[in-house]
Amino acid sequence: MAKPTASQPNIDVIVVVSGTPQPIRVNIHQKLEQLVEEALRESGNVGQPASEWELRSENGQQLDITMRIMDAGVVAGETLFLNPRAGAGG
């Protein structure tokens, strides 16, 4: 896969939202929070804010959603997992 460049900073990732895969195109300069918000919007999960969800990499590492996508090491084609935080909404 081609690496993003300054002129082509967008990558495609899959975000599995509560078990349902959502393909998302993101700009590597955006914060992960924007990726989370887009994944929630695309999946119809709009009842809770991004802060009430946990984003994890394929290896289970929790990602800090205040980081930029490129700084978090997210790469094109990667699958990320988004699930409600334990105890959220209650």
N, C-alpha and C. Protein backbone atom coordinates (compact mmCIF):
# COMPACT_ATOMS: atom_id res chain seq x y z
N MET A 1 0.82 -1.19 0.00
CA MET A 1 0.00 0.00 0.00
C MET A 1 0.86 1.25 0.00
N ALA A 2 0.39 2.26 -0.68
CA ALA A 2 1.15 3.50 -0.75
C ALA A 2 1.06 4.23 0.58
N LYS A 3 2.19 4.81 0.96
CA LYS A 3 2.21 5.61 2.18
C LYS A 3 1.60 6.97 1.89
N PRO A 4 0.93 7.57 2.89
CA PRO A 4 0.39 8.91 2.67
C PRO A 4 1.52 9.92 2.50
N THR A 5 1.24 10.95 1.76
CA THR A 5 2.20 12.03 1.55
C THR A 5 1.54 13.35 1.88
N ALA A 6 2.30 14.41 1.86
CA ALA A 6 1.74 15.73 2.15
C ALA A 6 0.62 16.08 1.18
N SER A 7 0.76 15.66 -0.08
CA SER A 7 -0.27 15.98 -1.06
C SER A 7 -1.42 14.97 -1.06
N GLN A 8 -1.18 13.78 -0.50
CA GLN A 8 -2.21 12.74 -0.42
C GLN A 8 -2.23 12.19 1.02
N PRO A 9 -2.75 12.97 1.96
CA PRO A 9 -2.66 12.56 3.36
C PRO A 9 -3.77 11.63 3.83
N ASN A 10 -4.65 11.19 2.93
CA ASN A 10 -5.77 10.36 3.36
C ASN A 10 -5.44 8.87 3.29
N ILE A 11 -5.95 8.14 4.27
CA ILE A 11 -5.80 6.68 4.29
C ILE A 11 -7.16 6.06 4.56
N ASP A 12 -7.31 4.81 4.17
CA ASP A 12 -8.52 4.05 4.45
C ASP A 12 -8.23 3.06 5.56
N VAL A 13 -9.09 3.06 6.57
CA VAL A 13 -8.99 2.11 7.68
C VAL A 13 -10.36 1.48 7.89
N ILE A 14 -10.38 0.40 8.64
CA ILE A 14 -11.64 -0.22 9.04
C ILE A 14 -11.77 0.00 10.54
N VAL A 15 -12.92 0.50 10.95
CA VAL A 15 -13.19 0.64 12.38
C VAL A 15 -14.36 -0.29 12.69
N VAL A 16 -14.11 -1.27 13.54
CA VAL A 16 -15.15 -2.20 13.95
C VAL A 16 -15.86 -1.57 15.15
N VAL A 17 -17.11 -1.14 14.92
CA VAL A 17 -17.88 -0.46 15.95
C VAL A 17 -18.85 -1.47 16.56
N SER A 18 -18.58 -1.84 17.80
CA SER A 18 -19.41 -2.82 18.51
C SER A 18 -19.68 -4.05 17.64
N GLY A 19 -18.64 -4.53 16.96
CA GLY A 19 -18.73 -5.75 16.17
C GLY A 19 -19.05 -5.56 14.70
N THR A 20 -19.37 -4.33 14.27
CA THR A 20 -19.73 -4.08 12.87
C THR A 20 -18.63 -3.27 12.19
N PRO A 21 -17.99 -3.83 11.12
CA PRO A 21 -16.92 -3.10 10.44
C PRO A 21 -17.45 -1.90 9.64
N GLN A 22 -16.75 -0.78 9.77
CA GLN A 22 -17.07 0.44 9.04
C GLN A 22 -15.82 0.93 8.32
N PRO A 23 -15.84 0.95 6.97
CA PRO A 23 -14.69 1.53 6.27
C PRO A 23 -14.73 3.05 6.41
N ILE A 24 -13.60 3.63 6.76
CA ILE A 24 -13.51 5.08 6.97
C ILE A 24 -12.26 5.60 6.27
N ARG A 25 -12.42 6.71 5.56
CA ARG A 25 -11.25 7.41 4.97
C ARG A 25 -10.95 8.60 5.87
N VAL A 26 -9.70 8.68 6.31
CA VAL A 26 -9.30 9.73 7.24
C VAL A 26 -8.04 10.43 6.78
N ASN A 27 -7.86 11.64 7.27
CA ASN A 27 -6.64 12.40 7.03
C ASN A 27 -5.69 12.12 8.18
N ILE A 28 -4.46 11.77 7.89
CA ILE A 28 -3.50 11.39 8.92
C ILE A 28 -3.18 12.53 9.88
N HIS A 29 -3.56 13.76 9.52
CA HIS A 29 -3.29 14.91 10.38
C HIS A 29 -4.43 15.18 11.36
N GLN A 30 -5.55 14.47 11.19
CA GLN A 30 -6.68 14.61 12.11
C GLN A 30 -6.38 13.88 13.42
N LYS A 31 -7.11 14.26 14.45
CA LYS A 31 -7.01 13.54 15.72
C LYS A 31 -7.84 12.26 15.63
N LEU A 32 -7.45 11.27 16.40
CA LEU A 32 -8.20 10.03 16.45
C LEU A 32 -9.65 10.27 16.88
N GLU A 33 -9.87 11.31 17.67
CA GLU A 33 -11.23 11.63 18.10
C GLU A 33 -12.14 11.88 16.90
N GLN A 34 -11.61 12.53 15.86
CA GLN A 34 -12.41 12.77 14.66
C GLN A 34 -12.72 11.46 13.94
N LEU A 35 -11.77 10.54 13.94
CA LEU A 35 -12.00 9.21 13.37
C LEU A 35 -13.10 8.49 14.14
N VAL A 36 -13.04 8.57 15.47
CA VAL A 36 -14.07 7.94 16.31
C VAL A 36 -15.44 8.54 16.01
N GLU A 37 -15.52 9.87 15.95
CA GLU A 37 -16.79 10.53 15.68
C GLU A 37 -17.36 10.13 14.33
N GLU A 38 -16.49 10.05 13.32
CA GLU A 38 -16.94 9.64 11.99
C GLU A 38 -17.43 8.19 12.00
N ALA A 39 -16.69 7.31 12.66
CA ALA A 39 -17.09 5.90 12.73
C ALA A 39 -18.43 5.75 13.44
N LEU A 40 -18.62 6.51 14.52
CA LEU A 40 -19.90 6.46 15.24
C LEU A 40 -21.04 6.97 14.37
N ARG A 41 -20.80 8.08 13.66
CA ARG A 41 -21.82 8.65 12.78
C ARG A 41 -22.18 7.67 11.67
N GLU A 42 -21.16 7.09 11.02
CA GLU A 42 -21.39 6.15 9.92
C GLU A 42 -22.13 4.89 10.37
N SER A 43 -21.89 4.48 11.61
CA SER A 43 -22.51 3.25 12.11
C SER A 43 -23.87 3.51 12.76
N GLY A 44 -24.24 4.78 12.90
CA GLY A 44 -25.52 5.12 13.51
C GLY A 44 -25.48 5.15 15.03
N ASN A 45 -24.31 5.05 15.63
CA ASN A 45 -24.15 5.11 17.08
C ASN A 45 -23.90 6.56 17.50
N VAL A 46 -24.97 7.32 17.61
CA VAL A 46 -24.82 8.74 17.89
C VAL A 46 -25.30 9.13 19.29
N GLY A 47 -25.64 8.15 20.11
CA GLY A 47 -26.18 8.43 21.44
C GLY A 47 -25.16 8.82 22.47
N GLN A 48 -23.88 8.46 22.27
CA GLN A 48 -22.85 8.76 23.25
C GLN A 48 -21.70 9.50 22.56
N PRO A 49 -21.07 10.43 23.29
CA PRO A 49 -19.93 11.16 22.71
C PRO A 49 -18.71 10.25 22.54
N ALA A 50 -17.77 10.69 21.72
CA ALA A 50 -16.55 9.92 21.45
C ALA A 50 -15.81 9.58 22.73
N SER A 51 -15.90 10.45 23.73
CA SER A 51 -15.18 10.23 24.98
C SER A 51 -15.70 9.03 25.76
N GLU A 52 -16.88 8.53 25.41
CA GLU A 52 -17.46 7.38 26.09
C GLU A 52 -17.10 6.05 25.42
N TRP A 53 -16.20 6.11 24.43
CA TRP A 53 -15.79 4.93 23.68
C TRP A 53 -14.28 4.71 23.82
N GLU A 54 -13.87 3.46 23.66
CA GLU A 54 -12.45 3.11 23.66
C GLU A 54 -12.07 2.65 22.26
N LEU A 55 -10.97 3.19 21.75
CA LEU A 55 -10.43 2.80 20.45
C LEU A 55 -9.18 1.97 20.69
N ARG A 56 -9.15 0.78 20.08
CA ARG A 56 -8.01 -0.12 20.27
C ARG A 56 -7.46 -0.56 18.91
N SER A 57 -6.16 -0.82 18.91
CA SER A 57 -5.49 -1.32 17.70
C SER A 57 -5.77 -2.81 17.55
N GLU A 58 -5.27 -3.38 16.46
CA GLU A 58 -5.46 -4.81 16.20
C GLU A 58 -4.86 -5.67 17.31
N ASN A 59 -3.78 -5.19 17.94
CA ASN A 59 -3.14 -5.98 19.00
C ASN A 59 -3.72 -5.69 20.38
N GLY A 60 -4.80 -4.91 20.44
CA GLY A 60 -5.50 -4.68 21.70
C GLY A 60 -5.04 -3.47 22.48
N GLN A 61 -4.05 -2.73 21.95
CA GLN A 61 -3.55 -1.54 22.64
C GLN A 61 -4.58 -0.42 22.55
N GLN A 62 -4.90 0.18 23.70
CA GLN A 62 -5.82 1.31 23.70
C GLN A 62 -5.10 2.53 23.13
N LEU A 63 -5.78 3.24 22.23
CA LEU A 63 -5.21 4.42 21.59
C LEU A 63 -5.75 5.68 22.24
N ASP A 64 -4.91 6.67 22.38
CA ASP A 64 -5.27 7.97 22.95
C ASP A 64 -5.93 8.80 21.85
N ILE A 65 -7.25 9.05 21.99
CA ILE A 65 -7.97 9.73 20.91
C ILE A 65 -7.62 11.21 20.78
N THR A 66 -6.78 11.73 21.68
CA THR A 66 -6.35 13.12 21.54
C THR A 66 -5.13 13.23 20.62
N MET A 67 -4.55 12.08 20.23
CA MET A 67 -3.38 12.08 19.34
C MET A 67 -3.81 12.19 17.89
N ARG A 68 -2.89 12.71 17.07
CA ARG A 68 -3.12 12.71 15.62
C ARG A 68 -2.98 11.27 15.12
N ILE A 69 -3.70 10.96 14.06
CA ILE A 69 -3.70 9.61 13.50
C ILE A 69 -2.28 9.16 13.16
N MET A 70 -1.50 10.03 12.52
CA MET A 70 -0.14 9.64 12.14
C MET A 70 0.74 9.43 13.36
N ASP A 71 0.55 10.22 14.41
CA ASP A 71 1.35 10.09 15.63
C ASP A 71 1.01 8.83 16.41
N ALA A 72 -0.21 8.34 16.25
CA ALA A 72 -0.64 7.12 16.93
C ALA A 72 -0.16 5.86 16.20
N GLY A 73 0.42 6.04 15.01
CA GLY A 73 0.93 4.91 14.25
C GLY A 73 -0.10 4.16 13.44
N VAL A 74 -1.27 4.75 13.24
CA VAL A 74 -2.31 4.11 12.44
C VAL A 74 -1.90 4.17 10.98
N VAL A 75 -2.00 3.04 10.28
CA VAL A 75 -1.57 2.95 8.89
C VAL A 75 -2.74 2.52 7.99
N ALA A 76 -2.59 2.78 6.70
CA ALA A 76 -3.61 2.42 5.72
C ALA A 76 -3.92 0.93 5.80
N GLY A 77 -5.19 0.60 5.74
CA GLY A 77 -5.62 -0.79 5.74
C GLY A 77 -5.76 -1.40 7.13
N GLU A 78 -5.38 -0.65 8.15
CA GLU A 78 -5.44 -1.18 9.52
C GLU A 78 -6.89 -1.32 9.98
N THR A 79 -7.12 -2.30 10.84
CA THR A 79 -8.43 -2.47 11.47
C THR A 79 -8.31 -2.03 12.92
N LEU A 80 -9.20 -1.13 13.32
CA LEU A 80 -9.26 -0.64 14.69
C LEU A 80 -10.58 -1.09 15.30
N PHE A 81 -10.63 -1.13 16.62
CA PHE A 81 -11.82 -1.62 17.31
C PHE A 81 -12.34 -0.56 18.27
N LEU A 82 -13.62 -0.24 18.13
CA LEU A 82 -14.25 0.80 18.92
C LEU A 82 -15.40 0.19 19.71
N ASN A 83 -15.30 0.29 21.02
CA ASN A 83 -16.33 -0.27 21.90
C ASN A 83 -16.64 0.71 23.02
N PRO A 84 -17.88 0.66 23.55
CA PRO A 84 -18.20 1.55 24.67
C PRO A 84 -17.28 1.27 25.85
N ARG A 85 -16.93 2.33 26.57
CA ARG A 85 -16.13 2.17 27.79
C ARG A 85 -16.95 1.39 28.80
N ALA A 86 -16.30 0.58 29.59
CA ALA A 86 -16.99 -0.16 30.65
C ALA A 86 -17.63 0.84 31.59
N GLY A 87 -18.91 0.64 31.84
CA GLY A 87 -19.63 1.54 32.75
C GLY A 87 -20.13 2.81 32.11
N ALA A 88 -19.93 3.00 30.81
CA ALA A 88 -20.36 4.22 30.14
C ALA A 88 -21.88 4.27 30.05
N GLY A 89 -22.39 5.46 30.14
CA GLY A 89 -23.81 5.68 29.97
C GLY A 89 -24.66 5.29 31.16
N GLY A 90 -24.06 4.96 32.28
CA GLY A 90 -24.87 4.51 33.40
C GLY A 90 -24.62 5.33 34.57
